[in-house]
Each structure stands twice: as C-alpha cells, then as structure tokens.
C-alpha cells in the first residue's frame, strides 16, 4: 500500500496537527514502512484457523442474581459520624 503526502495532510488535518514539510516527509516514510510491514500478514496461511474474538476463553465472572436481605438502617448508619433519623447527616454545601 502506498501512502501519499496528501494522505498525511488529510490525517494531520483530522488530528488538528500543524506539520511542517520535514515532518510530513518523515511521517510519510514511517507510515509507508508500517503499512508495508502490516502487508506481510497477508502472506500468512490462515486456512482452517477459526476466527476468535478473545485470545483466551472467557466465562461470566458475575455471581448469580439472587435477592438477599439488605443491611438495614441501623447497621448501614452505625459508622456514620452524624445521623438524622434514618438518614446520613451532612454539613450544608450551599450557604
């Protein structure tokens, strides 16, 4: 695949980069090298290779969704510094 200077200008414009002529030449050569290396992947024989979405098998790590009793108000508020009835008491944030 060939990369032109116009391609570098287009990508730089999309990325909102201001590149000088020296940088454009450098990036053109670098992108050309990267894409030519990536082209070597087309030479690999992938017949019989099953496409995968993950490199290792995954399983659901979540626990079963079952209803359980909640903490209760007294236990939930037992470590609260201040309490007002069945609510946390906090200092006012708007003066």
C-alpha atoms as a PDB file:
ATOM      1  CA  UNK A   1       0.000   0.000   0.000  1.00  0.00           C
ATOM      2  CA  UNK A   2       1.282   3.412  -0.891  1.00  0.00           C
ATOM      3  CA  UNK A   3       0.914   6.484   1.290  1.00  0.00           C
ATOM      4  CA  UNK A   4       0.994   9.857  -0.386  1.00  0.00           C
ATOM      5  CA  UNK A   5       1.735  13.237   1.043  1.00  0.00           C
ATOM      6  CA  UNK A   6      -1.958  14.079   0.563  1.00  0.00           C
ATOM      7  CA  UNK A   7      -2.849  11.175   2.893  1.00  0.00           C
ATOM      8  CA  UNK A   8      -0.522  12.596   5.557  1.00  0.00           C
ATOM      9  CA  UNK A   9      -2.045  16.062   5.075  1.00  0.00           C
ATOM     10  CA  UNK A  10      -5.534  14.587   5.455  1.00  0.00           C
ATOM     11  CA  UNK A  11      -4.670  12.677   8.644  1.00  0.00           C
ATOM     12  CA  UNK A  12      -2.883  15.710  10.082  1.00  0.00           C
ATOM     13  CA  UNK A  13      -5.922  17.872   9.353  1.00  0.00           C
ATOM     14  CA  UNK A  14      -8.225  15.328  11.044  1.00  0.00           C
ATOM     15  CA  UNK A  15      -5.919  15.205  14.070  1.00  0.00           C
ATOM     16  CA  UNK A  16      -5.604  19.001  14.019  1.00  0.00           C
ATOM     17  CA  UNK A  17      -1.830  18.814  13.722  1.00  0.00           C
ATOM     18  CA  UNK A  18       0.254  21.545  12.131  1.00  0.00           C
ATOM     19  CA  UNK A  19       3.103  19.724  10.387  1.00  0.00           C
ATOM     20  CA  UNK A  20       5.990  21.320   8.534  1.00  0.00           C
ATOM     21  CA  UNK A  21       7.396  19.862   5.292  1.00  0.00           C
ATOM     22  CA  UNK A  22      10.169  17.969   7.090  1.00  0.00           C
ATOM     23  CA  UNK A  23       7.698  16.291   9.447  1.00  0.00           C
ATOM     24  CA  UNK A  24       5.389  15.400   6.566  1.00  0.00           C
ATOM     25  CA  UNK A  25       8.262  13.685   4.740  1.00  0.00           C
ATOM     26  CA  UNK A  26       9.255  11.817   7.898  1.00  0.00           C
ATOM     27  CA  UNK A  27       5.718  10.658   8.654  1.00  0.00           C
ATOM     28  CA  UNK A  28       5.124   9.647   5.049  1.00  0.00           C
ATOM     29  CA  UNK A  29       8.179   7.372   5.177  1.00  0.00           C
ATOM     30  CA  UNK A  30       7.221   5.991   8.605  1.00  0.00           C
ATOM     31  CA  UNK A  31       3.611   5.267   7.627  1.00  0.00           C
ATOM     32  CA  UNK A  32       4.813   3.596   4.433  1.00  0.00           C
ATOM     33  CA  UNK A  33       7.119   1.341   6.481  1.00  0.00           C
ATOM     34  CA  UNK A  34       4.375   0.484   8.987  1.00  0.00           C
ATOM     35  CA  UNK A  35       1.840  -0.375   6.303  1.00  0.00           C
ATOM     36  CA  UNK A  36       4.311  -2.417   4.266  1.00  0.00           C
ATOM     37  CA  UNK A  37       5.129  -4.433   7.388  1.00  0.00           C
ATOM     38  CA  UNK A  38       1.415  -4.961   8.016  1.00  0.00           C
ATOM     39  CA  UNK A  39       1.057  -6.202   4.418  1.00  0.00           C
ATOM     40  CA  UNK A  40       3.273  -9.195   5.330  1.00  0.00           C
ATOM     41  CA  UNK A  41       0.341 -10.514   7.376  1.00  0.00           C
ATOM     42  CA  UNK A  42      -1.481 -11.179   4.108  1.00  0.00           C
ATOM     43  CA  UNK A  43       1.183 -13.782   3.303  1.00  0.00           C
ATOM     44  CA  UNK A  44       0.236 -15.959   6.280  1.00  0.00           C
ATOM     45  CA  UNK A  45      -1.754 -19.116   5.631  1.00  0.00           C
ATOM     46  CA  UNK A  46      -4.897 -18.830   7.730  1.00  0.00           C
ATOM     47  CA  UNK A  47      -6.812 -21.733   6.212  1.00  0.00           C
ATOM     48  CA  UNK A  48      -8.559 -23.695   8.936  1.00  0.00           C
ATOM     49  CA  UNK A  49      -7.987 -21.020  11.595  1.00  0.00           C
ATOM     50  CA  UNK A  50     -11.226 -20.281  13.398  1.00  0.00           C
ATOM     51  CA  UNK A  51     -11.806 -16.542  13.936  1.00  0.00           C
ATOM     52  CA  UNK A  52     -11.836 -15.605  17.619  1.00  0.00           C
ATOM     53  CA  UNK A  53     -12.996 -12.561  19.499  1.00  0.00           C
ATOM     54  CA  UNK A  54     -10.733 -13.262  22.503  1.00  0.00           C
ATOM     55  CA  UNK A  55      -7.339 -14.914  22.776  1.00  0.00           C
ATOM     56  CA  UNK A  56      -8.382 -16.888  25.849  1.00  0.00           C
ATOM     57  CA  UNK A  57     -11.765 -18.391  26.640  1.00  0.00           C
ATOM     58  CA  UNK A  58     -13.890 -16.207  28.884  1.00  0.00           C
ATOM     59  CA  UNK A  59     -16.669 -17.104  31.229  1.00  0.00           C
ATOM     60  CA  UNK A  60     -19.115 -14.969  33.125  1.00  0.00           C
ATOM     61  CA  UNK A  61     -17.490 -13.849  36.376  1.00  0.00           C
ATOM     62  CA  UNK A  62     -20.677 -12.471  37.912  1.00  0.00           C
ATOM     63  CA  UNK A  63     -22.417 -14.087  40.843  1.00  0.00           C
ATOM     64  CA  UNK A  64     -25.970 -15.285  40.423  1.00  0.00           C
ATOM     65  CA  UNK A  65     -28.551 -12.541  40.774  1.00  0.00           C
ATOM     66  CA  UNK A  66     -30.484 -13.600  43.840  1.00  0.00           C
ATOM     67  CA  UNK A  67     -32.454 -11.496  46.281  1.00  0.00           C
ATOM     68  CA  UNK A  68     -30.863 -11.246  49.722  1.00  0.00           C
ATOM     69  CA  UNK A  69     -31.780  -9.215  52.799  1.00  0.00           C
ATOM     70  CA  UNK A  70     -30.313  -5.708  52.878  1.00  0.00           C
ATOM     71  CA  UNK A  71     -28.184  -4.282  55.703  1.00  0.00           C
ATOM     72  CA  UNK A  72     -30.948  -2.453  57.465  1.00  0.00           C
ATOM     73  CA  UNK A  73     -30.954   1.171  58.540  1.00  0.00           C
ATOM     74  CA  UNK A  74     -29.240   0.716  61.909  1.00  0.00           C
ATOM     75  CA  UNK A  75     -26.361  -1.343  60.520  1.00  0.00           C
ATOM     76  CA  UNK A  76     -25.906   0.934  57.480  1.00  0.00           C
ATOM     77  CA  UNK A  77     -25.763   4.056  59.683  1.00  0.00           C
ATOM     78  CA  UNK A  78     -23.751   2.501  62.516  1.00  0.00           C
ATOM     79  CA  UNK A  79     -20.452   4.110  61.355  1.00  0.00           C
ATOM     80  CA  UNK A  80     -21.932   7.431  60.227  1.00  0.00           C
ATOM     81  CA  UNK A  81     -20.436  10.422  62.051  1.00  0.00           C
ATOM     82  CA  UNK A  82     -23.833  12.151  62.228  1.00  0.00           C
ATOM     83  CA  UNK A  83     -27.322  10.825  61.773  1.00  0.00           C
ATOM     84  CA  UNK A  84     -30.730  12.390  61.480  1.00  0.00           C
ATOM     85  CA  UNK A  85     -33.395   9.742  61.971  1.00  0.00           C
ATOM     86  CA  UNK A  86     -32.855   7.160  59.245  1.00  0.00           C
ATOM     87  CA  UNK A  87     -30.611   9.413  57.101  1.00  0.00           C
ATOM     88  CA  UNK A  88     -26.959  10.482  56.992  1.00  0.00           C
ATOM     89  CA  UNK A  89     -26.475  13.968  58.447  1.00  0.00           C
ATOM     90  CA  UNK A  90     -24.045  16.037  56.364  1.00  0.00           C
ATOM     91  CA  UNK A  91     -22.956  19.648  56.627  1.00  0.00           C
ATOM     92  CA  UNK A  92     -24.722  22.085  54.278  1.00  0.00           C
ATOM     93  CA  UNK A  93     -22.918  22.690  50.996  1.00  0.00           C
ATOM     94  CA  UNK A  94     -24.820  25.764  49.879  1.00  0.00           C
ATOM     95  CA  UNK A  95     -24.647  28.869  52.006  1.00  0.00           C
END
